Amino acid sequence: MLSAEPRQYSPGCGMPGDRSARLAARHAFVNLKLDFMTALADVPGAAWLQTQVRSAEEPVDLWLLRAPVFAVLGGADPGYRQRRQQLRRGLDSIFPDLDHASGFVTL
């Protein structure tokens, strides 16, 4: 006897809200990756870092690369300052709670 139960052709697909959350997270990751690549564009000696950014598969991979990228962008070039700021905004979009605690709080 055949069962009338519907077959699940996409196991693990989840609810529509889950899917949109995954898409939003992926979109944020891709934007952060582009921020890293833009920050490293035309920077002398940044070829290895660009390769690492291209091969990143998770946001945490980019988080681990932040210190060497900021070190490369540590020069006095005014364009580097703008790149650092853009990169910080991108990191804050994915890792908002990882900022250093300051003495100031909101009321």
Protein backbone atom coordinates (compact mmCIF):
# COMPACT_ATOMS: atom_id res chain seq x y z
CA MET A 1 0.00 0.00 0.00
CA LEU A 2 1.30 3.43 -0.91
CA SER A 3 1.55 6.19 1.64
CA ALA A 4 -0.24 9.47 0.95
CA GLU A 5 2.24 11.47 3.01
CA PRO A 6 4.06 14.23 1.14
CA ARG A 7 7.74 13.57 0.58
CA GLN A 8 10.32 16.00 1.83
CA TYR A 9 12.49 16.88 -1.15
CA SER A 10 14.50 19.56 0.61
CA PRO A 11 15.47 18.33 4.08
CA GLY A 12 16.90 20.99 6.32
CA CYS A 13 15.35 23.79 4.31
CA GLY A 14 13.51 25.14 7.34
CA MET A 15 10.84 27.77 7.57
CA PRO A 16 10.70 30.74 5.19
CA GLY A 17 11.92 33.03 7.98
CA ASP A 18 14.96 30.81 8.52
CA ARG A 19 15.80 31.00 4.84
CA SER A 20 15.55 34.78 4.74
CA ALA A 21 17.74 35.01 7.85
CA ARG A 22 20.38 32.82 6.19
CA LEU A 23 20.22 34.94 3.04
CA ALA A 24 20.59 38.14 5.06
CA ALA A 25 23.58 36.70 6.92
CA ARG A 26 25.18 35.60 3.65
CA HIS A 27 24.56 39.04 2.12
CA ALA A 28 26.19 40.72 5.14
CA PHE A 29 29.18 38.38 4.87
CA VAL A 30 29.63 39.11 1.15
CA ASN A 31 29.43 42.86 1.84
CA LEU A 32 32.07 42.55 4.57
CA LYS A 33 34.29 40.56 2.22
CA LEU A 34 33.93 43.33 -0.38
CA ASP A 35 34.82 45.91 2.29
CA PHE A 36 38.01 43.97 3.02
CA MET A 37 38.88 43.72 -0.67
CA THR A 38 38.22 47.44 -1.21
CA ALA A 39 40.36 48.30 1.81
CA LEU A 40 43.24 46.21 0.45
CA ALA A 41 43.00 47.38 -3.15
CA ASP A 42 46.24 48.96 -4.43
CA VAL A 43 47.99 48.52 -1.06
CA PRO A 44 51.63 47.51 -1.54
CA GLY A 45 52.45 44.13 0.00
CA ALA A 46 48.81 43.12 0.52
CA ALA A 47 48.66 40.27 -2.01
CA TRP A 48 48.80 37.56 0.67
CA LEU A 49 46.00 39.23 2.65
CA GLN A 50 43.87 39.57 -0.47
CA THR A 51 44.27 35.85 -1.08
CA GLN A 52 43.23 35.10 2.51
CA VAL A 53 40.17 37.34 2.22
CA ARG A 54 39.14 35.70 -1.06
CA SER A 55 39.38 32.25 0.52
CA ALA A 56 37.40 33.22 3.65
CA GLU A 57 34.26 31.11 4.01
CA GLU A 58 32.83 32.41 7.29
CA PRO A 59 32.63 35.84 8.97
CA VAL A 60 34.98 34.62 11.69
CA ASP A 61 37.68 34.09 9.03
CA LEU A 62 37.50 37.80 8.25
CA TRP A 63 37.42 38.67 11.94
CA LEU A 64 40.73 36.87 12.39
CA LEU A 65 42.25 38.84 9.49
CA ARG A 66 41.26 42.25 10.87
CA ALA A 67 44.49 42.89 12.81
CA PRO A 68 46.87 42.25 9.89
CA VAL A 69 44.65 44.29 7.57
CA PHE A 70 44.56 47.23 9.99
CA ALA A 71 48.34 46.92 10.38
CA VAL A 72 48.82 47.18 6.61
CA LEU A 73 46.47 50.19 6.56
CA GLY A 74 48.28 51.85 9.46
CA GLY A 75 50.19 54.32 7.31
CA ALA A 76 49.75 58.08 7.28
CA ASP A 77 48.03 58.05 3.89
CA PRO A 78 44.68 59.88 4.27
CA GLY A 79 43.03 57.32 2.01
CA TYR A 80 44.03 54.56 4.42
CA ARG A 81 42.15 56.31 7.24
CA GLN A 82 38.93 56.23 5.20
CA ARG A 83 39.50 52.56 4.36
CA ARG A 84 40.00 51.72 8.05
CA GLN A 85 36.77 53.53 8.95
CA GLN A 86 34.80 51.73 6.24
CA LEU A 87 36.22 48.41 7.36
CA ARG A 88 35.30 49.11 11.00
CA ARG A 89 31.73 49.92 9.95
CA GLY A 90 31.58 46.65 8.03
CA LEU A 91 32.90 44.67 10.99
CA ASP A 92 30.42 46.40 13.30
CA SER A 93 27.57 45.34 11.01
CA ILE A 94 28.33 41.67 11.66
CA PHE A 95 30.03 41.80 15.07
CA PRO A 96 28.20 44.68 16.83
CA ASP A 97 28.79 43.53 20.41
CA LEU A 98 32.54 43.06 20.17
CA ASP A 99 33.49 46.71 20.62
CA HIS A 100 35.69 47.71 23.52
CA ALA A 101 33.69 48.81 26.52
CA SER A 102 33.97 52.52 27.22
CA GLY A 103 33.03 54.59 30.24
CA PHE A 104 30.03 55.95 28.39
CA VAL A 105 26.64 54.29 28.42
CA THR A 106 23.29 55.18 26.94
CA LEU A 107 20.48 56.10 29.30
